[in-house]
Amino acid sequence: MLDENDLKRYASQLIMPEIEEEGQSILLKSKVLIIGAGGLGNPTAIYCSAAGIGYIDICDHDNIELSNLNRQIAFSINNLGLSKSTKLRDYCLNLNPNLKIKSIVNKFDNKFPIDKYDIIIDCSDNIETKYNANLSAHKNDKTLISASATQFEGQLAVFKSGKFKNSPCYECIFPQNQHQDTNLNCREVGIIGPVTNLISSLQVTETIREIFIQNSFKKEKSFTKNSLAGNLLLYDCIKQEITKIKIKKNLNCNICK
């Protein structure tokens, strides 16, 4: 049951027939892991906190640098040299102190325990972590919501290969043997902040949607019906275009074949 403070805080969500009190209660009981506390992880954690996702763990081993501040909006000049995951946790708890938000100052790898989470949110900026997140999500039957953003472009996809036999995984679309030299790091190729914020907003929208789907909540509503799974969303801010393309399982995939 929501208390009086919850009713006021989440009033703009509760009024929507796709959410209402029951949906908000589901969000408050849900557990998500955010991998990466950088350009994508910052707004993702903030919007997850604002939406009232009750349990949020933020995993990142990096410290804050001056060059991060054009897009990592939870940090300030006074935070330089401090832990990203710790300061992002503090920012989110200041926004919504009733949530359980934990900082994990470690590098994510395929040995990281993810069994307790409802959704895995990949906000990492390096290909090794993305492959590790994909492998862990597939092995543990978890929904993986993976995003990336560099320069003027971003992409987003929802992967459920561990849940459904015919669903593709991340490596189906981006085979490791073809992308092992890919550099996704913003320090090397550049990024403007609004791109990360837009992609993160979409990522949190899909997180809320997938939480409802997992709980069989409001199955008749269009919001819950329209999962992004099976599609890749591409954003080009130079042309101001968003394109959604169908993706298929690779029957020879090393992870989910």
C-alpha atoms as a PDB file:
ATOM      1  CA  MET A   1       0.000   0.000   0.000  1.00  0.00           C
ATOM      2  CA  LEU A   2       1.164   3.507  -0.796  1.00  0.00           C
ATOM      3  CA  ASP A   3       1.380   5.974   2.071  1.00  0.00           C
ATOM      4  CA  GLU A   4       0.327   9.614   1.907  1.00  0.00           C
ATOM      5  CA  ASN A   5       3.818  10.740   0.908  1.00  0.00           C
ATOM      6  CA  ASP A   6       3.859   8.235  -1.975  1.00  0.00           C
ATOM      7  CA  LEU A   7       0.459   9.423  -3.187  1.00  0.00           C
ATOM      8  CA  LYS A   8       1.778  12.972  -3.389  1.00  0.00           C
ATOM      9  CA  ARG A   9       5.221  12.154  -4.803  1.00  0.00           C
ATOM     10  CA  TYR A  10       3.959   9.895  -7.589  1.00  0.00           C
ATOM     11  CA  ALA A  11       0.671  11.704  -8.243  1.00  0.00           C
ATOM     12  CA  SER A  12       1.518  12.419 -11.885  1.00  0.00           C
ATOM     13  CA  GLN A  13       2.081   8.695 -12.478  1.00  0.00           C
ATOM     14  CA  LEU A  14      -0.825   7.412 -10.399  1.00  0.00           C
ATOM     15  CA  ILE A  15      -3.320   9.416 -12.419  1.00  0.00           C
ATOM     16  CA  MET A  16      -2.391   7.462 -15.550  1.00  0.00           C
ATOM     17  CA  PRO A  17      -4.593   4.391 -16.167  1.00  0.00           C
ATOM     18  CA  GLU A  18      -1.519   2.465 -17.356  1.00  0.00           C
ATOM     19  CA  ILE A  19       0.060   2.771 -13.872  1.00  0.00           C
ATOM     20  CA  GLU A  20      -2.305   3.727 -11.030  1.00  0.00           C
ATOM     21  CA  GLU A  21      -1.561   2.691  -7.431  1.00  0.00           C
ATOM     22  CA  GLU A  22      -1.011  -0.966  -8.210  1.00  0.00           C
ATOM     23  CA  GLY A  23       1.590  -0.224 -10.850  1.00  0.00           C
ATOM     24  CA  GLN A  24       3.413   2.173  -8.538  1.00  0.00           C
ATOM     25  CA  SER A  25       3.436  -0.474  -5.821  1.00  0.00           C
ATOM     26  CA  ILE A  26       5.027  -2.893  -8.292  1.00  0.00           C
ATOM     27  CA  LEU A  27       7.736  -0.354  -9.123  1.00  0.00           C
ATOM     28  CA  LEU A  28       8.475   0.240  -5.446  1.00  0.00           C
ATOM     29  CA  LYS A  29       9.029  -3.493  -4.939  1.00  0.00           C
ATOM     30  CA  SER A  30      11.237  -3.931  -8.006  1.00  0.00           C
ATOM     31  CA  LYS A  31      15.015  -4.353  -8.051  1.00  0.00           C
ATOM     32  CA  VAL A  32      17.261  -3.158 -10.872  1.00  0.00           C
ATOM     33  CA  LEU A  33      20.995  -3.188 -11.485  1.00  0.00           C
ATOM     34  CA  ILE A  34      22.489  -0.238 -13.349  1.00  0.00           C
ATOM     35  CA  ILE A  35      25.855  -1.101 -14.885  1.00  0.00           C
ATOM     36  CA  GLY A  36      27.818   2.114 -15.336  1.00  0.00           C
ATOM     37  CA  ALA A  37      27.461   5.470 -13.598  1.00  0.00           C
ATOM     38  CA  GLY A  38      28.614   7.659 -16.480  1.00  0.00           C
ATOM     39  CA  GLY A  39      26.833   9.569 -19.217  1.00  0.00           C
ATOM     40  CA  LEU A  40      24.021   7.023 -19.558  1.00  0.00           C
ATOM     41  CA  GLY A  41      24.076   5.780 -15.977  1.00  0.00           C
ATOM     42  CA  ASN A  42      23.618   9.260 -14.479  1.00  0.00           C
ATOM     43  CA  PRO A  43      20.213  10.142 -15.965  1.00  0.00           C
ATOM     44  CA  THR A  44      19.116   6.489 -15.923  1.00  0.00           C
ATOM     45  CA  ALA A  45      19.648   6.273 -12.169  1.00  0.00           C
ATOM     46  CA  ILE A  46      18.029   9.666 -11.649  1.00  0.00           C
ATOM     47  CA  TYR A  47      14.896   8.796 -13.651  1.00  0.00           C
ATOM     48  CA  CYS A  48      14.643   5.352 -12.026  1.00  0.00           C
ATOM     49  CA  SER A  49      14.763   7.078  -8.644  1.00  0.00           C
ATOM     50  CA  ALA A  50      12.256   9.729  -9.640  1.00  0.00           C
ATOM     51  CA  ALA A  51       9.879   7.049 -10.959  1.00  0.00           C
ATOM     52  CA  GLY A  52      10.045   5.178  -7.664  1.00  0.00           C
ATOM     53  CA  ILE A  53      11.821   1.960  -8.553  1.00  0.00           C
ATOM     54  CA  GLY A  54      12.373   0.775  -5.020  1.00  0.00           C
ATOM     55  CA  TYR A  55      15.726  -1.013  -5.118  1.00  0.00           C
ATOM     56  CA  ILE A  56      18.542   0.311  -7.291  1.00  0.00           C
ATOM     57  CA  ASP A  57      22.130  -0.919  -7.294  1.00  0.00           C
ATOM     58  CA  ILE A  58      24.700   1.153  -9.214  1.00  0.00           C
ATOM     59  CA  CYS A  59      27.880  -0.645 -10.285  1.00  0.00           C
ATOM     60  CA  ASP A  60      30.899   1.373 -11.441  1.00  0.00           C
ATOM     61  CA  HIS A  61      34.561   1.383 -10.413  1.00  0.00           C
ATOM     62  CA  ASP A  62      35.562   4.728 -11.970  1.00  0.00           C
ATOM     63  CA  ASN A  63      36.119   8.131 -10.362  1.00  0.00           C
ATOM     64  CA  ILE A  64      34.761  11.480 -11.531  1.00  0.00           C
ATOM     65  CA  GLU A  65      36.851  13.543 -13.956  1.00  0.00           C
ATOM     66  CA  LEU A  66      36.398  17.095 -15.200  1.00  0.00           C
ATOM     67  CA  SER A  67      35.692  15.860 -18.740  1.00  0.00           C
ATOM     68  CA  ASN A  68      32.666  13.934 -17.444  1.00  0.00           C
ATOM     69  CA  LEU A  69      30.715  17.032 -16.494  1.00  0.00           C
ATOM     70  CA  ASN A  70      29.330  17.844 -19.950  1.00  0.00           C
ATOM     71  CA  ARG A  71      26.956  14.876 -19.629  1.00  0.00           C
ATOM     72  CA  GLN A  72      27.163  13.291 -16.168  1.00  0.00           C
ATOM     73  CA  ILE A  73      24.617  15.598 -14.618  1.00  0.00           C
ATOM     74  CA  ALA A  74      24.615  14.266 -11.053  1.00  0.00           C
ATOM     75  CA  PHE A  75      28.188  15.449 -10.500  1.00  0.00           C
ATOM     76  CA  SER A  76      29.726  18.839  -9.805  1.00  0.00           C
ATOM     77  CA  ILE A  77      33.184  20.385  -9.768  1.00  0.00           C
ATOM     78  CA  ASN A  78      33.361  19.546  -6.059  1.00  0.00           C
ATOM     79  CA  ASN A  79      33.098  15.810  -6.801  1.00  0.00           C
ATOM     80  CA  LEU A  80      36.264  15.454  -8.900  1.00  0.00           C
ATOM     81  CA  GLY A  81      38.265  12.381  -7.931  1.00  0.00           C
ATOM     82  CA  LEU A  82      35.404  10.782  -6.017  1.00  0.00           C
ATOM     83  CA  SER A  83      33.604   7.533  -6.808  1.00  0.00           C
ATOM     84  CA  LYS A  84      30.991   7.808  -9.553  1.00  0.00           C
ATOM     85  CA  SER A  85      28.688   5.146  -8.163  1.00  0.00           C
ATOM     86  CA  THR A  86      28.874   6.582  -4.637  1.00  0.00           C
ATOM     87  CA  LYS A  87      28.135  10.168  -5.647  1.00  0.00           C
ATOM     88  CA  LEU A  88      25.373   9.078  -8.026  1.00  0.00           C
ATOM     89  CA  ARG A  89      23.792   7.071  -5.215  1.00  0.00           C
ATOM     90  CA  ASP A  90      23.962  10.136  -2.957  1.00  0.00           C
ATOM     91  CA  TYR A  91      22.349  12.326  -5.611  1.00  0.00           C
ATOM     92  CA  CYS A  92      19.502   9.860  -6.134  1.00  0.00           C
ATOM     93  CA  LEU A  93      18.887   9.405  -2.409  1.00  0.00           C
ATOM     94  CA  ASN A  94      18.707  13.176  -2.031  1.00  0.00           C
ATOM     95  CA  LEU A  95      16.030  13.148  -4.745  1.00  0.00           C
ATOM     96  CA  ASN A  96      14.101  10.208  -3.280  1.00  0.00           C
ATOM     97  CA  PRO A  97      15.328   9.173   0.196  1.00  0.00           C
ATOM     98  CA  ASN A  98      12.666   6.482   0.645  1.00  0.00           C
ATOM     99  CA  LEU A  99      14.314   4.131  -1.846  1.00  0.00           C
ATOM    100  CA  LYS A 100      17.014   1.515  -1.246  1.00  0.00           C
ATOM    101  CA  ILE A 101      19.932   2.622  -3.436  1.00  0.00           C
ATOM    102  CA  LYS A 102      23.318   0.939  -3.176  1.00  0.00           C
ATOM    103  CA  SER A 103      26.697   1.886  -4.594  1.00  0.00           C
ATOM    104  CA  ILE A 104      28.902  -0.965  -5.822  1.00  0.00           C
ATOM    105  CA  VAL A 105      32.436   0.297  -6.462  1.00  0.00           C
ATOM    106  CA  ASN A 106      33.537  -2.635  -8.604  1.00  0.00           C
ATOM    107  CA  LYS A 107      34.036  -3.414 -12.267  1.00  0.00           C
ATOM    108  CA  PHE A 108      31.201  -5.526 -13.623  1.00  0.00           C
ATOM    109  CA  ASP A 109      32.191  -8.939 -14.997  1.00  0.00           C
ATOM    110  CA  ASN A 110      30.423 -12.196 -15.803  1.00  0.00           C
ATOM    111  CA  LYS A 111      30.939 -13.428 -12.220  1.00  0.00           C
ATOM    112  CA  PHE A 112      28.893 -10.580 -10.761  1.00  0.00           C
ATOM    113  CA  PRO A 113      25.773 -12.028  -9.036  1.00  0.00           C
ATOM    114  CA  ILE A 114      22.634 -10.799 -10.790  1.00  0.00           C
ATOM    115  CA  ASP A 115      20.061 -13.375  -9.671  1.00  0.00           C
ATOM    116  CA  LYS A 116      18.271 -10.995  -7.273  1.00  0.00           C
ATOM    117  CA  TYR A 117      17.493  -8.320  -9.877  1.00  0.00           C
ATOM    118  CA  ASP A 118      14.327  -7.988 -11.953  1.00  0.00           C
ATOM    119  CA  ILE A 119      16.006  -5.984 -14.736  1.00  0.00           C
ATOM    120  CA  ILE A 120      19.634  -5.490 -15.783  1.00  0.00           C
ATOM    121  CA  ILE A 121      20.237  -2.012 -17.218  1.00  0.00           C
ATOM    122  CA  ASP A 122      23.445  -1.778 -19.225  1.00  0.00           C
ATOM    123  CA  CYS A 123      24.745   1.806 -19.296  1.00  0.00           C
ATOM    124  CA  SER A 124      28.386   0.847 -19.800  1.00  0.00           C
ATOM    125  CA  ASP A 125      30.660   2.540 -22.309  1.00  0.00           C
ATOM    126  CA  ASN A 126      32.957  -0.350 -23.214  1.00  0.00           C
ATOM    127  CA  ILE A 127      32.326  -3.431 -25.294  1.00  0.00           C
ATOM    128  CA  GLU A 128      33.824  -5.917 -22.811  1.00  0.00           C
ATOM    129  CA  THR A 129      31.292  -4.980 -20.153  1.00  0.00           C
ATOM    130  CA  LYS A 130      28.438  -5.191 -22.637  1.00  0.00           C
ATOM    131  CA  TYR A 131      29.396  -8.737 -23.604  1.00  0.00           C
ATOM    132  CA  ASN A 132      29.697  -9.692 -19.931  1.00  0.00           C
ATOM    133  CA  ALA A 133      26.283  -8.200 -19.179  1.00  0.00           C
ATOM    134  CA  ASN A 134      24.779 -10.088 -22.105  1.00  0.00           C
ATOM    135  CA  LEU A 135      26.315 -13.398 -21.037  1.00  0.00           C
ATOM    136  CA  SER A 136      25.167 -12.994 -17.422  1.00  0.00           C
ATOM    137  CA  ALA A 137      21.660 -11.916 -18.393  1.00  0.00           C
ATOM    138  CA  HIS A 138      21.284 -14.866 -20.773  1.00  0.00           C
ATOM    139  CA  LYS A 139      22.563 -17.443 -18.276  1.00  0.00           C
ATOM    140  CA  ASN A 140      20.365 -16.094 -15.479  1.00  0.00           C
ATOM    141  CA  ASP A 141      17.200 -15.643 -17.585  1.00  0.00           C
ATOM    142  CA  LYS A 142      17.177 -11.887 -17.002  1.00  0.00           C
ATOM    143  CA  THR A 143      15.857  -9.094 -19.191  1.00  0.00           C
ATOM    144  CA  LEU A 144      18.744  -6.918 -20.359  1.00  0.00           C
ATOM    145  CA  ILE A 145      18.090  -3.342 -21.441  1.00  0.00           C
ATOM    146  CA  SER A 146      21.249  -2.214 -23.200  1.00  0.00           C
ATOM    147  CA  ALA A 147      22.075   1.244 -24.521  1.00  0.00           C
ATOM    148  CA  SER A 148      25.035   3.119 -25.916  1.00  0.00           C
ATOM    149  CA  ALA A 149      25.711   6.658 -27.087  1.00  0.00           C
ATOM    150  CA  THR A 150      28.660   8.236 -28.881  1.00  0.00           C
ATOM    151  CA  GLN A 151      29.118  11.496 -30.751  1.00  0.00           C
ATOM    152  CA  PHE A 152      25.677  12.371 -32.208  1.00  0.00           C
ATOM    153  CA  GLU A 153      24.119   8.897 -32.096  1.00  0.00           C
ATOM    154  CA  GLY A 154      22.560   6.472 -29.648  1.00  0.00           C
ATOM    155  CA  GLN A 155      21.018   3.037 -29.676  1.00  0.00           C
ATOM    156  CA  LEU A 156      18.791   0.981 -27.407  1.00  0.00           C
ATOM    157  CA  ALA A 157      17.567  -2.608 -27.321  1.00  0.00           C
ATOM    158  CA  VAL A 158      15.793  -5.018 -24.972  1.00  0.00           C
ATOM    159  CA  PHE A 159      17.132  -8.578 -24.904  1.00  0.00           C
ATOM    160  CA  LYS A 160      15.274 -11.596 -23.475  1.00  0.00           C
ATOM    161  CA  SER A 161      17.272 -14.502 -24.881  1.00  0.00           C
ATOM    162  CA  GLY A 162      17.365 -16.299 -21.527  1.00  0.00           C
ATOM    163  CA  LYS A 163      13.591 -16.136 -21.219  1.00  0.00           C
ATOM    164  CA  PHE A 164      12.502 -16.999 -24.754  1.00  0.00           C
ATOM    165  CA  LYS A 165      14.217 -19.504 -27.048  1.00  0.00           C
ATOM    166  CA  ASN A 166      13.653 -17.521 -30.236  1.00  0.00           C
ATOM    167  CA  SER A 167      14.722 -14.145 -28.839  1.00  0.00           C
ATOM    168  CA  PRO A 168      18.094 -12.682 -29.905  1.00  0.00           C
ATOM    169  CA  CYS A 169      20.800 -11.665 -27.464  1.00  0.00           C
ATOM    170  CA  TYR A 170      23.235  -8.759 -27.717  1.00  0.00           C
ATOM    171  CA  GLU A 171      25.879 -10.906 -29.386  1.00  0.00           C
ATOM    172  CA  CYS A 172      23.432 -12.030 -32.073  1.00  0.00           C
ATOM    173  CA  ILE A 173      23.413  -8.452 -33.294  1.00  0.00           C
ATOM    174  CA  PHE A 174      27.004  -7.511 -32.438  1.00  0.00           C
ATOM    175  CA  PRO A 175      29.136 -10.685 -32.753  1.00  0.00           C
ATOM    176  CA  GLN A 176      32.170 -10.486 -30.529  1.00  0.00           C
ATOM    177  CA  ASN A 177      34.595 -11.670 -33.189  1.00  0.00           C
ATOM    178  CA  GLN A 178      33.540  -8.737 -35.394  1.00  0.00           C
ATOM    179  CA  HIS A 179      33.442  -6.060 -32.718  1.00  0.00           C
ATOM    180  CA  GLN A 180      36.301  -6.920 -30.398  1.00  0.00           C
ATOM    181  CA  ASP A 181      38.206  -3.795 -31.454  1.00  0.00           C
ATOM    182  CA  THR A 182      35.205  -1.463 -31.258  1.00  0.00           C
ATOM    183  CA  ASN A 183      35.815   1.521 -28.990  1.00  0.00           C
ATOM    184  CA  LEU A 184      32.665   2.856 -27.350  1.00  0.00           C
ATOM    185  CA  ASN A 185      34.438   5.128 -24.900  1.00  0.00           C
ATOM    186  CA  CYS A 186      33.278   8.738 -25.074  1.00  0.00           C
ATOM    187  CA  ARG A 187      36.754   9.925 -24.094  1.00  0.00           C
ATOM    188  CA  GLU A 188      38.055   8.615 -27.400  1.00  0.00           C
ATOM    189  CA  VAL A 189      35.260   9.400 -29.877  1.00  0.00           C
ATOM    190  CA  GLY A 190      33.332  12.201 -28.157  1.00  0.00           C
ATOM    191  CA  ILE A 191      29.724  12.802 -27.084  1.00  0.00           C
ATOM    192  CA  ILE A 192      27.299  15.637 -26.463  1.00  0.00           C
ATOM    193  CA  GLY A 193      25.277  15.434 -23.276  1.00  0.00           C
ATOM    194  CA  PRO A 194      21.735  15.671 -24.676  1.00  0.00           C
ATOM    195  CA  VAL A 195      22.214  12.413 -26.604  1.00  0.00           C
ATOM    196  CA  THR A 196      22.975  10.436 -23.445  1.00  0.00           C
ATOM    197  CA  ASN A 197      20.047  12.034 -21.653  1.00  0.00           C
ATOM    198  CA  LEU A 198      17.613  11.163 -24.430  1.00  0.00           C
ATOM    199  CA  ILE A 199      18.764   7.548 -24.693  1.00  0.00           C
ATOM    200  CA  SER A 200      18.664   7.187 -20.900  1.00  0.00           C
ATOM    201  CA  SER A 201      15.091   8.481 -20.798  1.00  0.00           C
ATOM    202  CA  LEU A 202      14.086   5.853 -23.334  1.00  0.00           C
ATOM    203  CA  GLN A 203      15.990   3.226 -21.366  1.00  0.00           C
ATOM    204  CA  VAL A 204      14.065   3.979 -18.169  1.00  0.00           C
ATOM    205  CA  THR A 205      10.761   3.966 -20.064  1.00  0.00           C
ATOM    206  CA  GLU A 206      11.577   0.453 -21.250  1.00  0.00           C
ATOM    207  CA  THR A 207      12.591  -0.532 -17.718  1.00  0.00           C
ATOM    208  CA  ILE A 208       9.176   0.486 -16.368  1.00  0.00           C
ATOM    209  CA  ARG A 209       7.462  -1.299 -19.253  1.00  0.00           C
ATOM    210  CA  GLU A 210       9.436  -4.517 -18.741  1.00  0.00           C
ATOM    211  CA  ILE A 211       8.797  -4.494 -14.990  1.00  0.00           C
ATOM    212  CA  PHE A 212       5.068  -4.347 -15.715  1.00  0.00           C
ATOM    213  CA  ILE A 213       5.365  -7.119 -18.317  1.00  0.00           C
ATOM    214  CA  GLN A 214       7.177  -9.371 -15.849  1.00  0.00           C
ATOM    215  CA  ASN A 215       4.403  -8.805 -13.332  1.00  0.00           C
ATOM    216  CA  SER A 216       1.639  -9.389 -15.937  1.00  0.00           C
ATOM    217  CA  PHE A 217       0.324  -5.952 -15.046  1.00  0.00           C
ATOM    218  CA  LYS A 218      -2.179  -4.160 -17.296  1.00  0.00           C
ATOM    219  CA  LYS A 219      -1.587  -6.652 -20.104  1.00  0.00           C
ATOM    220  CA  GLU A 220      -4.438  -5.146 -22.100  1.00  0.00           C
ATOM    221  CA  LYS A 221      -2.890  -1.665 -22.156  1.00  0.00           C
ATOM    222  CA  SER A 222      -0.874  -0.569 -25.185  1.00  0.00           C
ATOM    223  CA  PHE A 223       2.044   0.536 -23.006  1.00  0.00           C
ATOM    224  CA  THR A 224       2.571  -2.975 -21.674  1.00  0.00           C
ATOM    225  CA  LYS A 225       1.819  -4.689 -24.974  1.00  0.00           C
ATOM    226  CA  ASN A 226       4.499  -2.894 -26.972  1.00  0.00           C
ATOM    227  CA  SER A 227       7.810  -4.273 -25.735  1.00  0.00           C
ATOM    228  CA  LEU A 228      10.888  -3.105 -27.619  1.00  0.00           C
ATOM    229  CA  ALA A 229      12.262  -6.672 -27.496  1.00  0.00           C
ATOM    230  CA  GLY A 230      13.095  -7.921 -30.985  1.00  0.00           C
ATOM    231  CA  ASN A 231      13.932  -4.427 -32.195  1.00  0.00           C
ATOM    232  CA  LEU A 232      16.907  -2.081 -32.212  1.00  0.00           C
ATOM    233  CA  LEU A 233      16.195   1.613 -31.714  1.00  0.00           C
ATOM    234  CA  LEU A 234      18.639   3.979 -33.427  1.00  0.00           C
ATOM    235  CA  TYR A 235      18.816   7.723 -32.805  1.00  0.00           C
ATOM    236  CA  ASP A 236      20.614  10.222 -35.028  1.00  0.00           C
ATOM    237  CA  CYS A 237      20.600  13.725 -33.562  1.00  0.00           C
ATOM    238  CA  ILE A 238      22.136  15.318 -36.679  1.00  0.00           C
ATOM    239  CA  LYS A 239      19.067  14.344 -38.716  1.00  0.00           C
ATOM    240  CA  GLN A 240      16.803  14.253 -35.631  1.00  0.00           C
ATOM    241  CA  GLU A 241      15.601  10.799 -36.624  1.00  0.00           C
ATOM    242  CA  ILE A 242      14.690   7.744 -34.576  1.00  0.00           C
ATOM    243  CA  THR A 243      14.616   4.469 -36.490  1.00  0.00           C
ATOM    244  CA  LYS A 244      13.364   1.128 -35.179  1.00  0.00           C
ATOM    245  CA  ILE A 245      14.581  -1.955 -36.999  1.00  0.00           C
ATOM    246  CA  LYS A 246      13.678  -5.624 -36.493  1.00  0.00           C
ATOM    247  CA  ILE A 247      16.432  -7.888 -35.194  1.00  0.00           C
ATOM    248  CA  LYS A 248      16.537 -11.676 -35.363  1.00  0.00           C
ATOM    249  CA  LYS A 249      18.235 -14.444 -33.470  1.00  0.00           C
ATOM    250  CA  ASN A 250      21.527 -15.649 -34.918  1.00  0.00           C
ATOM    251  CA  LEU A 251      21.215 -19.430 -34.994  1.00  0.00           C
ATOM    252  CA  ASN A 252      25.011 -19.667 -34.837  1.00  0.00           C
ATOM    253  CA  CYS A 253      25.397 -17.272 -31.902  1.00  0.00           C
ATOM    254  CA  ASN A 254      28.063 -18.363 -29.417  1.00  0.00           C
ATOM    255  CA  ILE A 255      25.906 -17.325 -26.460  1.00  0.00           C
ATOM    256  CA  CYS A 256      22.282 -18.212 -27.138  1.00  0.00           C
ATOM    257  CA  LYS A 257      22.253 -20.769 -30.001  1.00  0.00           C
END
